[in-house]
Structures are given as C-alpha cells and as structure tokens.
N, C-alpha and C. Protein backbone atom coordinates (compact mmCIF):
# COMPACT_ATOMS: atom_id res chain seq x y z
N UNK A 1 116.09 113.52 120.69
CA UNK A 1 114.92 112.83 121.45
C UNK A 1 114.09 112.44 120.43
N UNK A 2 113.61 111.09 120.09
CA UNK A 2 112.53 110.79 118.92
C UNK A 2 110.91 110.95 119.76
N UNK A 3 110.66 111.74 119.46
CA UNK A 3 109.32 112.16 119.79
C UNK A 3 108.32 110.78 119.10
N UNK A 4 107.18 110.65 119.71
CA UNK A 4 106.56 109.53 119.75
C UNK A 4 105.05 109.94 119.98
N UNK A 5 104.02 110.35 119.19
CA UNK A 5 102.61 110.83 119.35
C UNK A 5 101.86 109.86 118.71
N UNK A 6 100.97 109.25 119.55
CA UNK A 6 99.89 108.45 118.56
C UNK A 6 98.39 109.65 118.54
N UNK A 7 98.15 108.95 117.19
CA UNK A 7 97.11 109.57 116.85
C UNK A 7 95.82 108.52 116.66
N UNK A 8 94.31 109.10 117.10
CA UNK A 8 93.37 108.07 116.98
C UNK A 8 92.19 108.56 116.13
N UNK A 9 91.65 107.84 116.25
CA UNK A 9 90.48 108.07 115.08
C UNK A 9 89.22 108.18 116.03
N UNK A 10 88.70 109.62 115.69
CA UNK A 10 87.07 109.96 116.58
C UNK A 10 86.29 109.43 115.57
N UNK A 11 85.51 108.89 116.49
CA UNK A 11 84.01 108.27 115.83
C UNK A 11 83.13 109.92 115.64
N UNK A 12 82.72 109.46 114.62
CA UNK A 12 81.51 110.15 114.26
C UNK A 12 80.35 109.17 114.41
N UNK A 13 79.20 110.06 114.05
CA UNK A 13 77.74 109.81 113.73
C UNK A 13 77.42 110.20 112.64
N UNK A 14 76.60 109.15 111.73
CA UNK A 14 76.01 109.51 109.90
C UNK A 14 77.16 108.77 109.53
N UNK A 15 77.19 108.33 108.05
CA UNK A 15 77.74 107.56 107.41
C UNK A 15 78.82 108.53 106.74
N UNK A 16 78.30 109.57 106.48
CA UNK A 16 79.42 110.29 105.47
C UNK A 16 80.19 111.25 106.85
N UNK A 17 79.64 111.42 107.79
CA UNK A 17 80.55 112.10 108.74
C UNK A 17 82.24 110.78 108.95
N UNK A 18 81.54 109.72 109.04
CA UNK A 18 81.89 108.29 109.47
C UNK A 18 83.20 108.36 107.92
N UNK A 19 82.73 108.16 107.30
CA UNK A 19 83.83 108.15 105.56
C UNK A 19 84.70 109.38 105.77
N UNK A 20 84.48 110.67 106.11
CA UNK A 20 85.17 111.90 106.13
C UNK A 20 86.23 111.64 107.62
N UNK A 21 85.72 111.44 108.84
CA UNK A 21 86.52 111.08 109.69
C UNK A 21 87.62 110.19 109.23
N UNK A 22 87.61 109.01 108.89
CA UNK A 22 88.52 107.93 107.90
C UNK A 22 89.53 108.61 107.38
N UNK A 23 89.05 108.89 106.33
CA UNK A 23 90.01 109.92 105.25
C UNK A 23 90.86 110.68 105.90
N UNK A 24 90.34 111.73 106.80
CA UNK A 24 91.29 113.05 107.40
C UNK A 24 92.05 111.68 108.60
N UNK A 25 91.48 110.96 109.27
CA UNK A 25 92.04 109.83 110.08
C UNK A 25 93.52 109.44 109.44
N UNK A 26 93.33 109.03 108.23
CA UNK A 26 94.43 108.32 106.83
C UNK A 26 95.45 109.13 106.30
N UNK A 27 94.68 110.27 106.22
CA UNK A 27 95.68 111.69 105.73
C UNK A 27 96.33 112.08 106.50
N UNK A 28 96.22 111.78 107.83
CA UNK A 28 96.91 112.62 109.11
C UNK A 28 97.98 111.45 109.62
N UNK A 29 97.35 110.07 109.16
CA UNK A 29 98.20 108.69 109.69
C UNK A 29 99.16 108.33 109.06
N UNK A 30 99.25 108.78 107.24
CA UNK A 30 100.57 108.71 106.50
C UNK A 30 101.38 109.48 106.86
N UNK A 31 101.15 110.75 106.62
CA UNK A 31 102.01 111.96 107.34
C UNK A 31 102.86 111.65 108.54
N UNK A 32 101.86 111.13 109.74
CA UNK A 32 102.78 110.55 111.08
C UNK A 32 103.83 109.40 110.50
N UNK A 33 102.97 108.50 110.06
CA UNK A 33 104.17 107.43 109.78
C UNK A 33 105.34 108.23 108.88
N UNK A 34 105.46 108.86 108.10
CA UNK A 34 106.40 109.59 107.44
C UNK A 34 107.28 109.92 108.58
N UNK A 35 106.31 110.41 109.34
CA UNK A 35 107.69 111.36 110.59
C UNK A 35 108.36 110.21 111.71
N UNK A 36 107.98 108.75 111.37
CA UNK A 36 108.13 108.33 112.44
C UNK A 36 107.68 107.96 113.55
N UNK A 37 106.21 108.75 113.65
CA UNK A 37 105.08 108.83 114.67
C UNK A 37 104.44 107.36 114.73
N UNK A 38 103.87 106.72 115.66
CA UNK A 38 102.93 105.90 116.18
C UNK A 38 101.47 106.30 115.56
N UNK A 39 100.58 105.19 114.86
CA UNK A 39 99.45 105.49 114.83
C UNK A 39 98.78 104.21 115.21
N UNK A 40 97.51 104.87 115.95
CA UNK A 40 96.86 103.70 116.54
C UNK A 40 95.61 103.33 115.94
N UNK A 41 95.51 102.03 115.28
CA UNK A 41 94.72 101.56 114.40
C UNK A 41 93.47 100.54 115.33
N UNK A 42 93.58 100.86 116.52
CA UNK A 42 92.23 100.18 117.15
C UNK A 42 91.13 101.12 116.95
N UNK A 43 90.12 99.59 116.28
CA UNK A 43 88.60 99.94 115.96
C UNK A 43 88.73 100.65 114.61
N UNK A 44 89.63 100.70 114.00
CA UNK A 44 89.68 101.21 112.34
C UNK A 44 88.36 100.10 111.38
N UNK A 45 89.54 98.92 111.97
CA UNK A 45 88.65 97.87 110.80
C UNK A 45 87.43 97.62 111.49
N UNK A 46 86.71 97.92 112.51
CA UNK A 46 85.33 97.58 112.55
C UNK A 46 84.64 99.12 112.22
N UNK A 47 85.56 100.10 112.35
CA UNK A 47 84.56 101.08 111.61
C UNK A 47 84.32 101.31 110.22
N UNK A 48 85.25 100.52 109.83
CA UNK A 48 85.45 100.63 107.95
C UNK A 48 84.52 99.16 107.79
N UNK A 49 84.20 98.50 108.58
CA UNK A 49 83.06 97.32 108.17
C UNK A 49 82.04 97.81 108.40
N UNK A 50 81.62 98.76 109.27
CA UNK A 50 80.45 99.76 109.86
C UNK A 50 79.98 100.29 108.49
N UNK A 51 81.19 101.25 108.42
CA UNK A 51 80.66 101.89 107.09
C UNK A 51 80.65 101.05 105.85
N UNK A 52 80.87 100.18 105.56
CA UNK A 52 80.61 99.59 104.56
C UNK A 52 79.14 98.84 104.47
N UNK A 53 79.14 98.60 105.47
CA UNK A 53 77.74 97.98 105.60
C UNK A 53 76.19 98.82 105.34
N UNK A 54 76.76 100.01 105.93
CA UNK A 54 76.01 100.98 105.77
C UNK A 54 75.70 101.70 104.33
N UNK A 55 76.94 101.60 103.84
CA UNK A 55 76.66 102.07 102.46
C UNK A 55 75.97 101.40 101.49
N UNK A 56 76.38 99.56 101.78
CA UNK A 56 75.43 98.56 100.75
C UNK A 56 73.63 98.92 101.35
N UNK A 57 73.73 98.91 102.28
CA UNK A 57 72.07 98.70 102.66
C UNK A 57 71.41 100.12 102.65
N UNK A 58 72.45 101.35 102.20
CA UNK A 58 71.72 102.47 101.41
C UNK A 58 71.17 102.45 100.03
N UNK A 59 70.13 103.38 100.23
CA UNK A 59 69.55 103.47 99.00
C UNK A 59 70.44 103.85 97.62
N UNK A 60 70.03 102.97 96.35
CA UNK A 60 71.19 103.48 95.29
C UNK A 60 71.32 105.18 95.42
N UNK A 61 70.50 105.84 95.10
CA UNK A 61 70.69 107.88 95.22
C UNK A 61 71.61 107.86 96.74
N UNK A 62 71.47 107.17 97.87
CA UNK A 62 72.63 107.50 98.76
C UNK A 62 73.80 106.91 98.31
N UNK A 63 74.27 105.80 98.00
CA UNK A 63 75.34 105.45 97.48
C UNK A 63 76.03 105.87 96.63
N UNK A 64 75.47 106.72 95.53
CA UNK A 64 76.10 107.80 94.76
C UNK A 64 76.54 109.29 95.27
N UNK A 65 75.77 109.46 96.14
CA UNK A 65 76.58 110.17 97.36
C UNK A 65 77.91 110.21 97.99
N UNK A 66 77.70 108.85 98.58
CA UNK A 66 78.77 108.21 99.14
C UNK A 66 79.70 107.81 98.66
N UNK A 67 79.69 107.78 96.92
CA UNK A 67 81.02 106.97 96.14
C UNK A 67 82.13 108.24 96.33
N UNK A 68 82.18 109.60 95.83
CA UNK A 68 83.01 110.44 95.92
C UNK A 68 84.02 110.23 97.04
N UNK A 69 83.75 110.22 98.49
CA UNK A 69 84.28 110.06 99.32
C UNK A 69 84.71 108.55 99.47
N UNK A 70 84.31 108.08 99.39
CA UNK A 70 84.89 106.83 99.40
C UNK A 70 85.70 106.32 98.41
N UNK A 71 85.61 106.75 96.99
CA UNK A 71 87.05 106.70 96.08
C UNK A 71 87.97 107.41 96.76
N UNK A 72 87.82 108.56 97.27
CA UNK A 72 89.13 109.37 98.10
C UNK A 72 89.74 108.30 99.56
N UNK A 73 88.86 108.02 99.71
CA UNK A 73 89.18 107.10 101.03
C UNK A 73 89.90 105.61 100.82
N UNK A 74 89.85 104.95 99.60
CA UNK A 74 90.20 104.03 98.97
C UNK A 74 91.46 104.51 98.23
N UNK A 75 91.31 105.43 97.89
CA UNK A 75 93.14 106.06 97.42
C UNK A 75 94.19 106.39 98.36
N UNK A 76 93.28 106.91 99.18
CA UNK A 76 94.21 107.42 100.81
C UNK A 76 95.22 105.85 101.04
N UNK A 77 93.75 104.89 101.95
CA UNK A 77 93.97 103.71 101.88
C UNK A 77 95.45 102.72 101.47
N UNK A 78 95.51 103.59 99.68
CA UNK A 78 96.21 102.35 98.77
C UNK A 78 97.58 103.28 99.27
N UNK A 79 97.73 104.50 99.86
CA UNK A 79 99.05 105.41 99.97
C UNK A 79 99.13 104.63 101.22
N UNK A 80 98.58 104.70 102.30
CA UNK A 80 98.90 104.26 103.18
C UNK A 80 99.64 102.81 103.44
N UNK A 81 99.03 102.18 102.53
CA UNK A 81 99.54 100.69 102.74
C UNK A 81 101.45 101.05 101.62
N UNK A 82 101.05 101.55 101.03
CA UNK A 82 102.53 102.09 100.41
C UNK A 82 103.44 102.77 101.49
N UNK A 83 103.38 103.49 102.21
CA UNK A 83 104.01 104.03 103.09
C UNK A 83 104.21 103.04 104.23
N UNK A 84 103.08 102.32 104.47
CA UNK A 84 103.68 100.76 106.09
C UNK A 84 104.46 100.14 105.04
N UNK A 85 104.48 99.69 103.56
CA UNK A 85 105.59 98.56 103.01
C UNK A 85 106.73 99.17 103.28
N UNK A 86 106.84 100.41 102.46
CA UNK A 86 108.03 101.15 102.54
C UNK A 86 108.31 101.24 104.02
N UNK A 87 108.07 101.45 105.11
CA UNK A 87 108.61 101.14 106.37
C UNK A 87 108.67 99.80 106.78
N UNK A 88 108.09 99.15 106.04
CA UNK A 88 108.55 97.46 106.24
C UNK A 88 110.12 97.34 105.66
N UNK A 89 110.02 97.47 104.68
CA UNK A 89 111.19 97.22 103.80
C UNK A 89 112.27 97.92 104.56
N UNK A 90 112.10 99.49 104.61
CA UNK A 90 113.54 100.24 105.26
C UNK A 90 113.75 98.89 107.06
N UNK A 91 113.03 98.76 107.48
CA UNK A 91 112.88 97.61 108.78
C UNK A 91 114.27 96.62 108.48
N UNK A 92 113.52 95.78 107.52
CA UNK A 92 114.14 94.23 107.03
C UNK A 92 115.52 94.87 106.58
N UNK A 93 115.42 95.86 105.82
CA UNK A 93 116.87 96.12 105.74
C UNK A 93 117.92 96.50 106.90
N UNK A 94 117.56 96.98 107.50
CA UNK A 94 118.42 97.29 108.47
C UNK A 94 118.54 96.29 109.65
N UNK A 95 117.63 95.17 109.67
CA UNK A 95 117.74 93.70 110.29
C UNK A 95 118.92 92.76 109.48
N UNK A 96 118.78 93.19 108.53
CA UNK A 96 119.51 92.31 107.44
C UNK A 96 120.97 92.85 107.58
N UNK A 97 120.99 94.10 107.94
CA UNK A 97 122.82 94.66 107.97
C UNK A 97 122.82 94.21 109.46
N UNK A 98 122.29 94.54 110.58
CA UNK A 98 122.51 94.08 111.30
C UNK A 98 123.13 92.68 111.50
N UNK A 99 122.23 91.95 111.06
CA UNK A 99 122.76 90.69 111.44
C UNK A 99 123.74 90.25 110.64
N UNK A 100 124.20 90.70 109.49
CA UNK A 100 124.90 90.65 108.68
C UNK A 100 126.74 90.71 109.69
N UNK A 101 126.32 92.01 109.90
CA UNK A 101 127.33 92.89 110.33
C UNK A 101 127.66 91.64 111.91
N UNK A 102 126.80 91.29 112.56
CA UNK A 102 126.88 90.69 113.95
C UNK A 102 127.65 89.09 113.32
N UNK A 103 127.05 88.64 112.02
CA UNK A 103 127.58 87.09 111.47
C UNK A 103 129.38 87.72 111.43
N UNK A 104 129.76 88.68 110.92
CA UNK A 104 131.36 88.74 110.74
C UNK A 104 132.12 88.91 112.07
N UNK A 105 131.44 89.18 113.27
CA UNK A 105 132.11 89.60 114.49
C UNK A 105 133.03 87.95 115.21
C-alpha cells in the first residue's frame, strides 16, 4: 500500500523564525515529494508574501541579517520547483503512454 502523509507548515512568530520555518518546510517537502507523499501548501504563499513584506520594511542592518537565510530559502524553492517539474514530466509521460496504448486497442 502506498502510504501518503500530509505535511503542513507550522507558523512561527518573528520574521527570522518564519524564514527558518519555511526553509525547514521546503527541505522536508522536497524529500516527501520524492517519496511520493502529499505536501500541503495551504497558506505557504501568504506566509512567503508576509515574510517578504516584513523583510522589505525592516531596517537595512536587519535585512542583512535575514539575507543568508533568505538565500538558502531561495535555493530550496528552486530545488522544490525542479522536483515538482520532474514529477509533472513523469506523470505526463505515463499519461501519454497510457493514451497511446488505448489508441492501439
């Protein structure tokens, strides 16, 4: 049986904690996707938008403190996107193969 577990993002207080929670979420999400598990992205877009607003409004010194964590988060988002595209491609190939075998029936 293919076990499907859902992971969810825990919201934290404070911009740095939110950035770290997002980073941890996407590290785990990339692994879970690779294992064929479901990842719940509900609320992630709003949290990312909120963090971006907070970072933009922060004093420049504070922005510099956020920069390393934000850079890691951006790298993780890129690898997560690649994993999603890989899965999408695999599904498309399976569907094309299935459609081709149905056409030959």
